[in-house]
Amino acid sequence: MDKIKVGVMGACGKMGREICKSVLDDPDLELTAAIDVVNQGFDVGILIGRPACGVTIETNLNNLLTNKILDVLIDFTNAQALLNNIPRVIENGINVVIGTTGLTTDEIRNIKFLAEKNDVGAFIAPNFAIGAVLMMKFAREAAQYFPYVEVIEKHHDQKLDAPSGTAIKTMEEIAKTRKPMKQGNPNEYEKIPGARGGDFQGIKVHSMRLPGLIAHQEVIFGGVGQILTIRHDSLSRDSFMPGIMLAAKKVKNWKGLVYGLENIL
């Protein structure tokens, strides 16, 4: 069975390096391309602290698209870079796995349209950690019995979007079993604007950004005389790798967009 040829966009970043390691270690995948805006010609193996692997950093995406050496491109860059690159990738018949958050509903809808139009598979997930998927599932179930809920999400201080994609997806899942409602004292007011956090159908969401954090979230439910907390912590980027590798292997199996890791587990 031929290995799936994988390219990594943003290969020099923290996530990109971990993804390159995992692709190199997976017997079903072959790292054939690494793209970034820096380190042109630098061997990826050396970049990630291993022996040279023969795959060098390419800064010109068009060169890779012309050579068509990819089955799947994995992209964990920022939203601006992704929106500039992914349409060209899809139009060249290459399947995509996207972990970039901060995309709007319209932008995701456009990726879906392009994937269907060009008969390629696209996969997007707000979080690739299996524990995070279970957290969302449990939160949705708990909301049937505990409608009063707030979300606290914590990420490293280099993250651009807030709230996180995981927090938004969690609240969307909760909304499937909980009707919109206003929480707190009806006469409450904020002495500092934003003190009560963002609002999603009455669910308050709070975003922390501090160095030392990776990705963490608490979903806190309140009831009479009791509190239920569902919490997930990604202590290293390794937690995302099994989900990313699974998506890279499965994305070729459909045409169009699949959203959410729970749909391929």
Protein backbone atom coordinates (compact mmCIF):
# COMPACT_ATOMS: atom_id res chain seq x y z
CA MET A 1 0.00 0.00 0.00
CA ASP A 2 1.43 3.38 -1.01
CA LYS A 3 2.08 5.84 1.77
CA ILE A 4 0.03 9.03 1.89
CA LYS A 5 2.18 11.96 0.78
CA VAL A 6 1.85 14.75 3.33
CA GLY A 7 2.90 18.40 3.31
CA VAL A 8 3.00 20.66 6.37
CA MET A 9 2.22 24.35 6.10
CA GLY A 10 3.99 26.45 8.72
CA ALA A 11 6.54 23.68 9.27
CA CYS A 12 8.93 25.91 11.24
CA GLY A 13 6.39 26.86 13.91
CA LYS A 14 5.89 25.03 17.20
CA MET A 15 2.92 23.03 15.95
CA GLY A 16 4.47 22.56 12.53
CA ARG A 17 7.61 20.97 13.96
CA GLU A 18 5.60 18.54 16.07
CA ILE A 19 3.46 17.61 13.08
CA CYS A 20 6.57 16.97 10.96
CA LYS A 21 7.93 14.65 13.67
CA SER A 22 4.68 12.71 13.84
CA VAL A 23 4.39 12.36 10.07
CA LEU A 24 7.98 11.08 9.87
CA ASP A 25 7.23 8.54 12.61
CA ASP A 26 3.98 7.25 11.10
CA PRO A 27 4.42 4.15 8.90
CA ASP A 28 1.40 5.07 6.76
CA LEU A 29 2.50 8.62 6.00
CA GLU A 30 5.37 10.13 4.06
CA LEU A 31 6.55 13.70 4.59
CA THR A 32 7.12 15.05 1.09
CA ALA A 33 6.86 18.81 1.60
CA ALA A 34 7.35 21.46 4.26
CA ILE A 35 6.30 25.04 3.64
CA ASP A 36 7.11 28.20 5.59
CA VAL A 37 8.08 31.81 5.01
CA VAL A 38 11.53 31.30 6.59
CA ASN A 39 14.45 28.84 6.38
CA GLN A 40 14.31 28.26 2.61
CA GLY A 41 16.27 25.09 1.74
CA PHE A 42 16.78 24.05 5.38
CA ASP A 43 16.39 20.30 5.97
CA VAL A 44 13.34 19.52 8.09
CA GLY A 45 15.05 16.67 9.91
CA ILE A 46 17.75 18.99 11.23
CA LEU A 47 15.13 21.62 12.07
CA ILE A 48 13.35 19.21 14.43
CA GLY A 49 16.57 17.88 15.97
CA ARG A 50 16.93 14.71 13.93
CA PRO A 51 19.20 13.52 11.12
CA ALA A 52 18.60 15.08 7.70
CA CYS A 53 15.53 13.55 6.04
CA GLY A 54 15.87 14.99 2.53
CA VAL A 55 12.82 17.24 2.78
CA THR A 56 13.74 20.91 2.72
CA ILE A 57 11.73 24.01 3.60
CA GLU A 58 10.04 25.58 0.59
CA THR A 59 8.89 29.19 0.80
CA ASN A 60 7.12 29.23 -2.58
CA LEU A 61 3.85 27.32 -2.41
CA ASN A 62 3.38 27.56 -6.16
CA ASN A 63 6.50 25.44 -6.71
CA LEU A 64 4.99 22.62 -4.69
CA LEU A 65 1.61 22.88 -6.37
CA THR A 66 3.26 22.71 -9.80
CA ASN A 67 5.15 19.55 -8.85
CA LYS A 68 2.01 17.90 -7.36
CA ILE A 69 3.85 15.79 -4.81
CA LEU A 70 1.11 16.01 -2.18
CA ASP A 71 -1.95 13.96 -1.27
CA VAL A 72 -2.72 15.94 1.88
CA LEU A 73 -1.65 19.35 3.20
CA ILE A 74 -1.84 19.99 6.95
CA ASP A 75 -2.23 23.66 7.89
CA PHE A 76 -1.97 25.06 11.43
CA THR A 77 -0.93 28.58 10.47
CA ASN A 78 -2.92 31.75 11.21
CA ALA A 79 -6.24 32.53 9.57
CA GLN A 80 -4.85 35.19 7.24
CA ALA A 81 -2.15 32.91 5.83
CA LEU A 82 -4.55 30.00 5.54
CA LEU A 83 -7.14 31.96 3.60
CA ASN A 84 -4.44 33.11 1.18
CA ASN A 85 -3.07 29.62 0.57
CA ILE A 86 -5.79 26.99 1.03
CA PRO A 87 -7.96 27.99 -1.98
CA ARG A 88 -4.97 27.43 -4.30
CA VAL A 89 -4.22 24.10 -2.62
CA ILE A 90 -7.80 22.85 -3.00
CA GLU A 91 -8.02 24.06 -6.60
CA ASN A 92 -4.96 21.92 -7.33
CA GLY A 93 -6.80 18.80 -6.13
CA ILE A 94 -4.98 18.41 -2.82
CA ASN A 95 -6.88 17.33 0.30
CA VAL A 96 -6.50 19.56 3.35
CA VAL A 97 -6.47 19.13 7.13
CA ILE A 98 -6.97 22.44 8.91
CA GLY A 99 -6.34 23.18 12.58
CA THR A 100 -6.24 26.96 12.26
CA THR A 101 -8.86 28.65 14.43
CA GLY A 102 -10.31 32.12 14.05
CA LEU A 103 -12.15 31.32 10.82
CA THR A 104 -15.60 32.85 10.42
CA THR A 105 -18.67 30.86 9.47
CA ASP A 106 -18.58 32.37 5.98
CA GLU A 107 -14.90 31.45 5.55
CA ILE A 108 -15.56 27.86 6.58
CA ARG A 109 -18.54 27.78 4.23
CA ASN A 110 -16.31 28.95 1.38
CA ILE A 111 -13.76 26.20 2.08
CA LYS A 112 -16.64 23.71 1.97
CA PHE A 113 -17.78 25.12 -1.38
CA LEU A 114 -14.27 24.94 -2.86
CA ALA A 115 -13.75 21.37 -1.65
CA GLU A 116 -17.03 20.21 -3.17
CA LYS A 117 -16.38 22.08 -6.42
CA ASN A 118 -12.93 20.54 -6.82
CA ASP A 119 -13.83 17.04 -5.57
CA VAL A 120 -11.32 17.03 -2.71
CA GLY A 121 -11.60 16.27 0.97
CA ALA A 122 -11.31 19.01 3.58
CA PHE A 123 -11.23 18.52 7.32
CA ILE A 124 -11.43 21.21 10.00
CA ALA A 125 -11.39 20.72 13.76
CA PRO A 126 -11.26 23.34 16.51
CA ASN A 127 -9.35 20.85 18.66
CA PHE A 128 -7.56 17.62 17.71
CA ALA A 129 -7.18 16.25 21.25
CA ILE A 130 -9.49 13.29 21.87
CA GLY A 131 -9.97 14.39 25.48
CA ALA A 132 -11.24 17.76 24.30
CA VAL A 133 -13.81 16.06 22.07
CA LEU A 134 -15.03 14.06 25.07
CA MET A 135 -15.20 17.25 27.15
CA MET A 136 -17.57 18.75 24.57
CA LYS A 137 -19.66 15.59 24.49
CA PHE A 138 -19.98 15.46 28.27
CA ALA A 139 -20.79 19.19 28.44
CA ARG A 140 -23.61 18.77 25.95
CA GLU A 141 -25.07 15.96 28.07
CA ALA A 142 -24.68 17.87 31.34
CA ALA A 143 -26.44 20.94 29.93
CA GLN A 144 -29.70 18.98 29.87
CA TYR A 145 -29.66 19.04 33.67
CA PHE A 146 -27.52 22.10 34.45
CA PRO A 147 -28.54 25.03 32.22
CA TYR A 148 -26.44 27.54 34.19
CA VAL A 149 -22.95 27.32 32.76
CA GLU A 150 -19.83 29.38 32.09
CA VAL A 151 -16.70 28.52 30.10
CA ILE A 152 -13.14 29.46 30.98
CA GLU A 153 -10.53 28.79 28.31
CA LYS A 154 -6.80 29.33 28.77
CA HIS A 155 -4.12 29.45 26.08
CA HIS A 156 -0.56 30.63 25.54
CA ASP A 157 -0.09 34.35 25.01
CA GLN A 158 0.75 34.02 21.31
CA LYS A 159 -2.76 32.88 20.39
CA LEU A 160 -4.50 35.53 18.31
CA ASP A 161 -8.21 34.67 18.45
CA ALA A 162 -10.49 34.75 21.47
CA PRO A 163 -12.50 32.92 22.48
CA SER A 164 -10.82 29.78 21.20
CA GLY A 165 -12.35 27.57 18.55
CA THR A 166 -12.74 24.87 21.18
CA ALA A 167 -14.75 27.19 23.44
CA ILE A 168 -17.02 28.21 20.58
CA LYS A 169 -17.57 24.58 19.54
CA THR A 170 -18.27 23.65 23.18
CA MET A 171 -20.94 26.34 23.48
CA GLU A 172 -22.46 25.30 20.17
CA GLU A 173 -22.71 21.74 21.48
CA ILE A 174 -24.26 22.92 24.75
CA ALA A 175 -26.78 25.00 22.76
CA LYS A 176 -28.06 21.79 21.14
CA THR A 177 -29.59 20.77 24.49
CA ARG A 178 -29.90 24.10 26.31
CA LYS A 179 -32.26 26.90 25.30
CA PRO A 180 -30.88 30.47 25.22
CA MET A 181 -31.28 32.11 28.60
CA LYS A 182 -29.87 35.04 30.58
CA GLN A 183 -27.78 34.14 33.59
CA GLY A 184 -26.86 36.11 36.69
CA ASN A 185 -28.63 38.88 38.51
CA PRO A 186 -30.87 40.79 36.09
CA ASN A 187 -29.53 44.04 37.55
CA GLU A 188 -25.83 43.16 37.37
CA TYR A 189 -23.45 45.66 35.78
CA GLU A 190 -19.78 45.74 34.83
CA LYS A 191 -17.51 48.24 36.57
CA ILE A 192 -14.85 47.31 34.02
CA PRO A 193 -16.24 46.57 30.51
CA GLY A 194 -15.92 42.90 29.65
CA ALA A 195 -15.58 41.75 33.26
CA ARG A 196 -18.39 39.24 32.81
CA GLY A 197 -16.82 37.86 29.63
CA GLY A 198 -18.24 37.25 26.20
CA ASP A 199 -21.80 36.08 25.68
CA PHE A 200 -23.09 33.18 23.59
CA GLN A 201 -26.84 32.62 24.00
CA GLY A 202 -26.48 33.59 27.65
CA ILE A 203 -23.39 31.45 28.27
CA LYS A 204 -20.51 33.57 29.56
CA VAL A 205 -17.07 32.74 28.17
CA HIS A 206 -13.76 33.98 29.57
CA SER A 207 -10.39 33.84 27.76
CA MET A 208 -7.02 33.82 29.52
CA ARG A 209 -3.72 34.31 27.64
CA LEU A 210 -0.53 33.65 29.60
CA PRO A 211 2.95 32.32 28.85
CA GLY A 212 3.38 28.75 30.09
CA LEU A 213 -0.11 27.65 29.06
CA ILE A 214 -0.78 25.35 26.10
CA ALA A 215 -4.54 24.72 25.77
CA HIS A 216 -6.91 24.33 28.71
CA GLN A 217 -10.64 24.64 29.27
CA GLU A 218 -13.13 24.36 32.10
CA VAL A 219 -16.88 24.10 31.60
CA ILE A 220 -18.45 24.99 34.93
CA PHE A 221 -22.10 24.15 35.61
CA GLY A 222 -23.97 25.56 38.61
CA GLY A 223 -26.97 24.03 40.33
CA VAL A 224 -28.71 24.34 43.67
CA GLY A 225 -26.11 23.40 46.27
CA GLN A 226 -23.64 21.95 43.75
CA ILE A 227 -21.08 22.70 41.07
CA LEU A 228 -20.08 20.39 38.20
CA THR A 229 -16.78 21.10 36.45
CA ILE A 230 -15.67 19.38 33.24
CA ARG A 231 -12.04 20.18 32.51
CA HIS A 232 -9.51 19.31 29.84
CA ASP A 233 -5.81 20.18 29.77
CA SER A 234 -3.40 19.73 26.89
CA LEU A 235 -0.05 19.68 28.66
CA SER A 236 1.96 19.42 25.45
CA ARG A 237 1.35 19.60 21.72
CA ASP A 238 1.76 15.83 21.60
CA SER A 239 -1.87 15.61 22.71
CA PHE A 240 -3.02 16.82 19.29
CA MET A 241 -0.88 14.50 17.17
CA PRO A 242 -3.01 11.29 17.16
CA GLY A 243 -6.04 13.26 15.98
CA ILE A 244 -4.06 15.09 13.29
CA MET A 245 -2.51 11.88 11.96
CA LEU A 246 -5.93 10.21 11.89
CA ALA A 247 -7.38 13.12 9.92
CA ALA A 248 -4.48 13.01 7.43
CA LYS A 249 -5.22 9.35 6.76
CA LYS A 250 -8.99 9.72 6.44
CA VAL A 251 -9.45 13.02 4.58
CA LYS A 252 -8.95 11.33 1.20
CA ASN A 253 -12.06 9.22 1.80
CA TRP A 254 -14.64 11.93 1.16
CA LYS A 255 -15.37 14.91 -1.06
CA GLY A 256 -16.29 18.17 0.62
CA LEU A 257 -15.87 19.33 4.20
CA VAL A 258 -16.08 17.41 7.46
CA TYR A 259 -16.00 19.55 10.62
CA GLY A 260 -15.06 18.18 14.04
CA LEU A 261 -12.86 15.31 15.20
CA GLU A 262 -15.86 13.50 16.66
CA ASN A 263 -17.04 12.77 13.12
CA ILE A 264 -14.05 10.62 12.21
CA LEU A 265 -13.30 8.80 15.47
